Protein backbone atom coordinates (compact mmCIF):
# COMPACT_ATOMS: atom_id res chain seq x y z
CA MET A 1 87.60 -127.57 54.98
CA ALA A 2 85.29 -125.22 53.09
CA ALA A 3 84.51 -123.33 56.28
CA SER A 4 88.22 -123.11 57.07
CA GLY A 5 88.94 -121.78 53.58
CA SER A 6 86.24 -119.14 53.93
CA ALA A 7 87.62 -118.09 57.31
CA ASP A 8 91.14 -117.83 55.88
CA ARG A 9 89.90 -115.68 53.00
CA ALA A 10 87.96 -113.46 55.39
CA LEU A 11 91.03 -113.06 57.62
CA SER A 12 93.23 -112.32 54.61
CA GLY A 13 90.74 -109.70 53.42
CA SER A 14 90.58 -108.11 56.86
CA LEU A 15 94.38 -107.94 57.11
CA ALA A 16 94.63 -106.44 53.63
CA GLY A 17 92.04 -103.83 54.57
CA LEU A 18 93.91 -103.05 57.79
CA ARG A 19 97.19 -102.63 55.90
CA GLU A 20 95.52 -100.33 53.37
CA ARG A 21 94.02 -98.18 56.14
CA LYS A 22 97.41 -97.97 57.86
CA LYS A 23 99.05 -96.91 54.58
CA GLN A 24 96.42 -94.24 54.08
CA ARG A 25 96.89 -92.95 57.64
CA THR A 26 100.66 -92.72 57.11
CA ARG A 27 100.21 -90.86 53.82
CA ILE A 28 97.81 -88.37 55.41
CA ALA A 29 100.15 -87.90 58.39
CA LEU A 30 103.01 -87.06 56.02
CA ILE A 31 100.82 -84.62 54.09
CA ASP A 32 99.65 -82.86 57.24
CA ALA A 33 103.12 -82.68 58.78
CA ALA A 34 104.61 -81.33 55.56
CA ALA A 35 101.87 -78.72 55.14
CA ASP A 36 102.36 -77.48 58.70
CA LEU A 37 106.13 -77.28 58.26
CA PHE A 38 105.87 -75.56 54.88
CA LEU A 39 103.54 -72.93 56.32
CA ALA A 40 105.62 -72.42 59.46
CA LYS A 41 109.15 -72.50 57.99
CA GLY A 42 108.68 -72.03 54.27
CA TYR A 43 108.62 -74.66 51.55
CA GLU A 44 112.17 -74.13 50.34
CA THR A 45 113.79 -74.39 53.79
CA THR A 46 111.83 -77.44 54.97
CA THR A 47 113.66 -80.74 54.49
CA ILE A 48 112.34 -84.25 54.00
CA ASP A 49 114.25 -85.21 57.16
CA GLU A 50 112.13 -82.74 59.13
CA ILE A 51 108.91 -84.09 57.61
CA VAL A 52 109.67 -87.73 58.42
CA ALA A 53 110.86 -86.80 61.92
CA ALA A 54 107.52 -85.13 62.59
CA VAL A 55 105.70 -88.37 61.70
CA ASN A 56 108.36 -90.67 63.21
CA VAL A 57 108.93 -92.63 60.00
CA SER A 58 111.98 -93.16 57.79
CA GLN A 59 112.94 -91.48 54.54
CA ARG A 60 112.40 -94.85 52.89
CA THR A 61 108.78 -94.74 54.05
CA PHE A 62 108.42 -91.20 52.69
CA PHE A 63 109.63 -92.25 49.25
CA ARG A 64 107.16 -95.13 49.17
CA TYR A 65 104.44 -92.49 49.02
CA PHE A 66 106.05 -89.51 47.30
CA ALA A 67 108.78 -89.18 44.67
CA ALA A 68 109.83 -85.69 45.79
CA LYS A 69 109.08 -83.04 48.40
CA GLU A 70 106.72 -81.12 46.10
CA ASP A 71 104.62 -84.24 45.54
CA VAL A 72 103.35 -84.12 49.12
CA VAL A 73 101.23 -81.20 47.93
CA ILE A 74 100.94 -81.81 44.18
CA ASP A 75 99.87 -85.46 44.46
CA VAL A 76 96.90 -84.45 46.61
CA MET A 77 95.92 -81.96 43.92
CA GLY A 78 96.18 -84.90 41.53
CA ASP A 79 93.68 -86.78 43.70
CA TYR A 80 91.30 -83.84 43.32
CA ASP A 81 91.89 -83.82 39.55
CA GLN A 82 90.98 -87.51 39.31
CA LEU A 83 87.81 -86.99 41.32
CA MET A 84 86.91 -84.11 39.00
CA LEU A 85 87.54 -86.28 35.94
CA ASP A 86 85.39 -89.08 37.37
CA GLY A 87 82.66 -86.53 38.05
CA LEU A 88 82.87 -85.22 34.48
CA ALA A 89 82.53 -88.72 33.05
CA ALA A 90 79.35 -89.21 35.11
CA ARG A 91 77.61 -85.99 33.98
CA PRO A 92 74.43 -86.29 31.84
CA PRO A 93 75.34 -86.74 28.14
CA GLY A 94 73.39 -83.73 26.87
CA GLU A 95 74.72 -81.27 29.43
CA ARG A 96 76.53 -78.22 28.06
CA PRO A 97 80.34 -78.48 28.36
CA PHE A 98 80.86 -75.47 30.66
CA THR A 99 78.11 -76.72 32.97
CA ALA A 100 79.50 -80.27 33.03
CA LEU A 101 83.01 -79.01 33.75
CA PHE A 102 81.89 -76.73 36.56
CA GLN A 103 79.64 -79.34 38.16
CA SER A 104 82.51 -81.83 38.21
CA LEU A 105 84.63 -79.24 40.03
CA ARG A 106 81.76 -78.50 42.39
CA LEU A 107 81.68 -82.23 43.20
CA VAL A 108 85.31 -82.06 44.32
CA LEU A 109 84.77 -79.01 46.54
CA GLN A 110 81.53 -80.44 47.94
CA THR A 111 83.23 -83.76 48.71
CA ILE A 112 86.00 -81.93 50.56
CA ALA A 113 83.49 -79.85 52.54
CA GLU A 114 81.40 -82.90 53.45
CA SER A 115 84.43 -84.97 54.48
CA GLY A 116 84.71 -83.04 57.73
CA PRO A 117 86.87 -80.33 59.29
CA ASP A 118 90.15 -82.24 58.91
CA GLU A 119 89.79 -82.54 55.14
CA THR A 120 88.57 -78.96 54.83
CA GLU A 121 91.57 -77.69 56.81
CA ARG A 122 93.90 -79.85 54.72
CA PHE A 123 92.44 -78.34 51.54
CA ARG A 124 92.87 -74.84 52.96
CA LYS A 125 96.52 -75.39 53.81
CA LEU A 126 97.43 -77.06 50.53
CA GLN A 127 95.58 -74.52 48.41
CA GLN A 128 97.22 -71.69 50.34
CA LEU A 129 100.63 -73.27 49.79
CA VAL A 130 100.10 -73.66 46.05
CA GLU A 131 98.87 -70.10 45.65
CA THR A 132 101.67 -68.53 47.71
CA THR A 133 104.69 -70.72 46.87
CA PRO A 134 106.21 -70.10 43.42
CA ALA A 135 107.81 -73.56 43.18
CA LEU A 136 104.57 -75.33 44.06
CA LEU A 137 102.52 -73.11 41.76
CA ALA A 138 104.92 -73.87 38.90
CA ALA A 139 104.71 -77.60 39.59
CA ARG A 140 100.92 -77.42 39.72
CA MET A 141 100.71 -75.51 36.44
CA ALA A 142 103.07 -78.00 34.79
CA ARG A 143 100.64 -80.79 35.65
CA TYR A 144 97.71 -78.71 34.41
CA SER A 145 98.61 -79.23 30.74
CA GLU A 146 98.05 -82.98 31.08
CA VAL A 147 94.91 -82.44 33.18
CA GLU A 148 93.48 -80.14 30.52
CA LYS A 149 94.30 -82.62 27.74
CA VAL A 150 92.50 -85.46 29.50
CA HIS A 151 89.46 -83.27 30.17
CA ALA A 152 89.47 -82.11 26.54
CA ASP A 153 89.41 -85.75 25.43
CA VAL A 154 86.33 -86.38 27.59
CA ILE A 155 84.58 -83.24 26.29
CA ALA A 156 85.40 -84.28 22.71
CA ARG A 157 83.80 -87.69 23.25
CA ARG A 158 80.73 -86.08 24.78
CA LEU A 159 80.39 -83.77 21.75
CA GLY A 160 81.22 -86.43 19.18
CA MET A 161 84.40 -84.64 18.09
CA ASP A 162 87.93 -85.85 17.38
CA PRO A 163 90.32 -84.09 19.78
CA GLU A 164 93.21 -84.81 17.41
CA THR A 165 91.73 -82.74 14.59
CA ASP A 166 89.17 -80.45 16.26
CA LEU A 167 90.45 -77.67 18.49
CA ARG A 168 87.07 -76.76 19.97
CA PRO A 169 87.17 -79.21 22.92
CA HIS A 170 90.62 -77.88 23.84
CA LEU A 171 89.41 -74.27 23.61
CA ILE A 172 86.38 -75.03 25.79
CA VAL A 173 88.51 -76.69 28.46
CA ALA A 174 91.20 -73.98 28.28
CA ALA A 175 88.55 -71.28 28.77
CA HIS A 176 87.03 -73.16 31.71
CA PHE A 177 90.34 -73.79 33.46
CA GLY A 178 91.41 -70.22 32.78
CA ALA A 179 88.29 -68.97 34.56
CA VAL A 180 88.90 -71.40 37.43
CA ARG A 181 92.49 -70.16 37.70
CA VAL A 182 91.28 -66.54 37.91
CA ALA A 183 88.76 -67.54 40.59
CA PHE A 184 91.36 -69.34 42.70
CA GLU A 185 93.75 -66.41 42.41
CA ASP A 186 90.97 -64.08 43.55
CA CYS A 187 90.18 -66.37 46.48
CA ALA A 188 93.85 -66.43 47.47
CA LYS A 189 94.03 -62.63 47.23
CA HIS A 190 91.12 -62.31 49.67
CA GLU A 191 92.24 -65.33 51.77
CA ILE A 192 89.10 -67.32 50.94
CA TRP A 193 89.79 -71.02 51.52
CA ASP A 194 86.44 -72.53 52.55
CA PRO A 195 85.52 -75.07 49.81
CA ARG A 196 81.87 -74.00 49.58
CA THR A 197 82.80 -70.32 49.30
CA VAL A 198 85.47 -71.18 46.74
CA ALA A 199 82.85 -73.12 44.74
CA ALA A 200 80.52 -70.11 44.74
CA ARG A 201 83.33 -67.80 43.61
CA VAL A 202 84.34 -70.24 40.86
CA GLU A 203 80.73 -70.48 39.66
CA GLU A 204 80.49 -66.68 39.43
CA THR A 205 83.76 -66.49 37.50
CA VAL A 206 82.88 -69.32 35.10
CA ASP A 207 79.50 -67.69 34.39
CA LEU A 208 81.26 -64.37 33.79
CA ALA A 209 83.73 -66.02 31.41
CA HIS A 210 80.89 -67.71 29.52
CA THR A 211 79.05 -64.39 29.19
CA ALA A 212 82.19 -62.53 28.11
CA LEU A 213 83.00 -65.11 25.45
CA ARG A 214 79.46 -64.94 24.10
CA GLU A 215 79.16 -61.14 24.12
CA LEU A 216 82.64 -59.79 23.56
CA VAL A 217 84.56 -62.30 21.45
């Protein structure tokens, strides 16, 4: 009986893992199909019907993964934000805030680069879409306020400050994300999408911002 119970649990675990992998494959297929259609036809003119037809799934399946068309792109950016936040939480306690923030972003870009050509190409397409599609850029920036707040809370804890009464953590994070925004805009202007090259450009821009704040403000 014990052996049978162990076998049942193992089978149940295997089936659950298989279902999870299938769900992930479907989500990625929807993301890739949507990105290709957005780039080929334009974001505004692409319909959800066209996206699901490209993957051979139903609209009901689409809405199990995404609440709206824009979320096909923006939710992936949210995945990157969460990885960056996890990376920030793991940085050494005494590390300077700008360094910790940049290194957590570097972790995201490095993870993308090391995940293989498919993930790198996916990043390129999604980043290009955000930078060149006003509706997606607006949606991304709308999410940024919450992303910045959460990062400011982490920086405040690291510095022993109260984010409710001390503005410094918010100013640090705002300066960092402002520099990152400038770097991404510059990369888009020069059609730089490779994650490692983007990371190098971001590092240069963050260093420049740090120097400017120290010397000019």
